């Protein structure tokens, strides 16, 4: 059951990061655990806002786009809408930025700092169509919340 797997992963991550107060270290650990424990996670990483640009942060997977064009694509939709975005088929998402031609579905979860300001997103790509659902959305939101809390 997917929810149970996420629960175990969240507990593992909590144990790994509990004594580390560095957000980048927490992001790197979250990526590694998710990428290797969740089936179908082809690319797993954070994009972070830096002076109005959305730049790649810690990630696992194939080479990433270093910078994402402003107000374009799934990641910017998550930033600007301040909510998670689940895309079953990226070809159907207007303005999708294809960092890899192998990506078919995607989920983006906004990353809020300790003051509630959006500072980036967790972006997960899959080679499988409709790989992500509401269970992924809810569980990934809980996990991403651990970066700053």
Protein backbone atom coordinates (compact mmCIF):
# COMPACT_ATOMS: atom_id res chain seq x y z
CA UNK A 1 0.00 0.00 0.00
CA UNK A 2 1.43 3.35 -1.11
CA UNK A 3 0.35 5.29 2.00
CA UNK A 4 2.10 2.80 4.26
CA UNK A 5 5.29 3.04 2.19
CA UNK A 6 5.20 6.83 2.47
CA UNK A 7 4.64 6.57 6.22
CA UNK A 8 7.74 4.39 6.59
CA UNK A 9 9.75 6.73 4.34
CA UNK A 10 8.65 9.80 6.31
CA UNK A 11 9.71 8.14 9.57
CA UNK A 12 13.07 7.19 8.05
CA UNK A 13 13.67 10.72 6.80
CA UNK A 14 12.62 12.18 10.16
CA UNK A 15 15.23 10.03 11.87
CA UNK A 16 17.94 10.94 9.39
CA UNK A 17 17.44 14.72 9.49
CA UNK A 18 16.39 15.28 13.10
CA UNK A 19 19.78 16.67 14.18
CA UNK A 20 20.48 18.58 10.95
CA UNK A 21 19.22 22.15 10.69
CA UNK A 22 20.54 22.82 7.17
CA UNK A 23 17.75 22.95 4.54
CA UNK A 24 20.03 21.88 1.66
CA UNK A 25 21.20 18.83 3.58
CA UNK A 26 17.60 17.97 4.39
CA UNK A 27 16.60 18.36 0.72
CA UNK A 28 19.45 16.13 -0.44
CA UNK A 29 18.47 13.42 2.04
CA UNK A 30 14.77 13.63 1.15
CA UNK A 31 15.65 13.28 -2.56
CA UNK A 32 17.87 10.27 -2.03
CA UNK A 33 15.35 8.40 0.11
CA UNK A 34 12.39 9.14 -2.15
CA UNK A 35 14.27 8.46 -5.37
CA UNK A 36 15.45 5.02 -4.34
CA UNK A 37 12.44 3.91 -2.27
CA UNK A 38 9.51 4.98 -4.45
CA UNK A 39 8.79 3.00 -7.58
CA UNK A 40 8.56 5.06 -10.75
CA UNK A 41 10.49 8.11 -9.48
CA UNK A 42 12.70 8.79 -12.53
CA UNK A 43 13.92 12.26 -11.48
CA UNK A 44 13.56 13.64 -7.96
CA UNK A 45 14.77 17.10 -6.98
CA UNK A 46 14.26 20.60 -5.76
CA UNK A 47 14.18 23.80 -7.77
CA UNK A 48 14.87 26.88 -5.66
CA UNK A 49 14.06 30.54 -6.17
CA UNK A 50 17.14 32.73 -6.40
CA UNK A 51 16.63 36.44 -7.18
CA UNK A 52 13.50 35.69 -9.20
CA UNK A 53 15.04 32.76 -11.08
CA UNK A 54 14.11 29.12 -10.53
CA UNK A 55 17.39 27.19 -10.36
CA UNK A 56 18.08 23.51 -9.84
CA UNK A 57 18.96 22.47 -6.31
CA UNK A 58 19.73 19.06 -4.84
CA UNK A 59 18.46 16.21 -7.02
CA UNK A 60 18.73 12.54 -7.95
CA UNK A 61 18.46 11.28 -11.52
CA UNK A 62 19.53 12.31 -14.98
CA UNK A 63 20.99 15.70 -15.82
CA UNK A 64 18.57 18.52 -14.98
CA UNK A 65 17.66 21.83 -16.54
CA UNK A 66 19.73 24.35 -14.58
CA UNK A 67 17.26 27.21 -14.87
CA UNK A 68 13.53 27.14 -15.68
CA UNK A 69 12.01 29.92 -17.78
CA UNK A 70 9.92 32.22 -15.61
CA UNK A 71 6.17 31.57 -15.46
CA UNK A 72 6.50 28.51 -17.72
CA UNK A 73 6.05 24.82 -16.93
CA UNK A 74 4.83 22.72 -14.05
CA UNK A 75 7.37 23.96 -11.50
CA UNK A 76 6.44 27.60 -12.03
CA UNK A 77 2.74 26.63 -11.83
CA UNK A 78 3.47 25.22 -8.35
CA UNK A 79 5.40 28.34 -7.33
CA UNK A 80 2.88 30.86 -8.62
CA UNK A 81 -0.19 28.91 -7.50
CA UNK A 82 1.39 28.05 -4.12
CA UNK A 83 -0.08 24.56 -4.39
CA UNK A 84 0.87 21.14 -5.63
CA UNK A 85 0.39 20.25 -9.29
CA UNK A 86 -0.16 16.69 -10.52
CA UNK A 87 0.23 16.11 -14.25
CA UNK A 88 -0.74 12.71 -15.66
CA UNK A 89 0.76 13.37 -19.09
CA UNK A 90 3.22 16.24 -19.51
CA UNK A 91 2.46 16.48 -23.24
CA UNK A 92 -0.98 17.80 -22.23
CA UNK A 93 0.42 20.54 -19.95
CA UNK A 94 0.78 23.78 -21.88
CA UNK A 95 4.27 25.20 -21.54
CA UNK A 96 5.80 22.02 -20.11
CA UNK A 97 9.58 22.27 -19.99
CA UNK A 98 11.12 18.99 -21.17
CA UNK A 99 14.42 18.51 -19.37
CA UNK A 100 14.24 14.84 -20.40
CA UNK A 101 12.28 13.39 -23.29
CA UNK A 102 11.68 10.31 -21.11
CA UNK A 103 9.43 12.17 -18.64
CA UNK A 104 5.74 11.32 -19.06
CA UNK A 105 4.11 12.37 -15.76
CA UNK A 106 5.11 14.81 -13.05
CA UNK A 107 4.24 16.10 -9.61
CA UNK A 108 5.39 19.42 -8.17
CA UNK A 109 5.06 20.32 -4.48
CA UNK A 110 5.78 23.88 -3.27
CA UNK A 111 8.45 24.33 -0.62
CA UNK A 112 7.58 26.90 2.06
CA UNK A 113 10.19 28.30 4.43
CA UNK A 114 9.58 28.70 8.17
CA UNK A 115 7.78 32.03 7.52
CA UNK A 116 5.37 30.48 5.00
CA UNK A 117 7.05 32.00 1.93
CA UNK A 118 7.39 29.83 -1.19
CA UNK A 119 11.12 29.35 -1.78
CA UNK A 120 11.06 26.50 -4.29
CA UNK A 121 9.46 23.21 -5.26
CA UNK A 122 10.02 19.49 -5.07
CA UNK A 123 9.74 18.16 -8.62
CA UNK A 124 9.31 14.44 -9.30
CA UNK A 125 9.18 13.02 -12.82
CA UNK A 126 8.15 9.55 -13.94
CA UNK A 127 8.50 7.62 -17.19
CA UNK A 128 5.01 6.20 -16.55
CA UNK A 129 1.77 7.95 -17.45
CA UNK A 130 -0.45 8.91 -14.48
CA UNK A 131 2.15 7.75 -11.98
CA UNK A 132 1.10 10.32 -9.36
CA UNK A 133 -2.19 10.77 -7.53
CA UNK A 134 -3.72 12.42 -4.46
CA UNK A 135 -1.91 10.01 -2.14
CA UNK A 136 1.43 11.15 -3.59
CA UNK A 137 0.36 14.79 -3.34
CA UNK A 138 -0.63 14.58 0.33
CA UNK A 139 2.31 12.45 1.41
CA UNK A 140 4.89 14.48 -0.51
CA UNK A 141 3.50 17.70 0.95
CA UNK A 142 4.03 16.24 4.43
CA UNK A 143 7.58 15.19 3.58
CA UNK A 144 8.52 18.50 1.92
CA UNK A 145 7.24 20.31 5.02
CA UNK A 146 10.09 18.66 6.97
CA UNK A 147 12.73 20.74 5.14
CA UNK A 148 12.06 23.82 7.28
CA UNK A 149 10.05 22.40 10.20
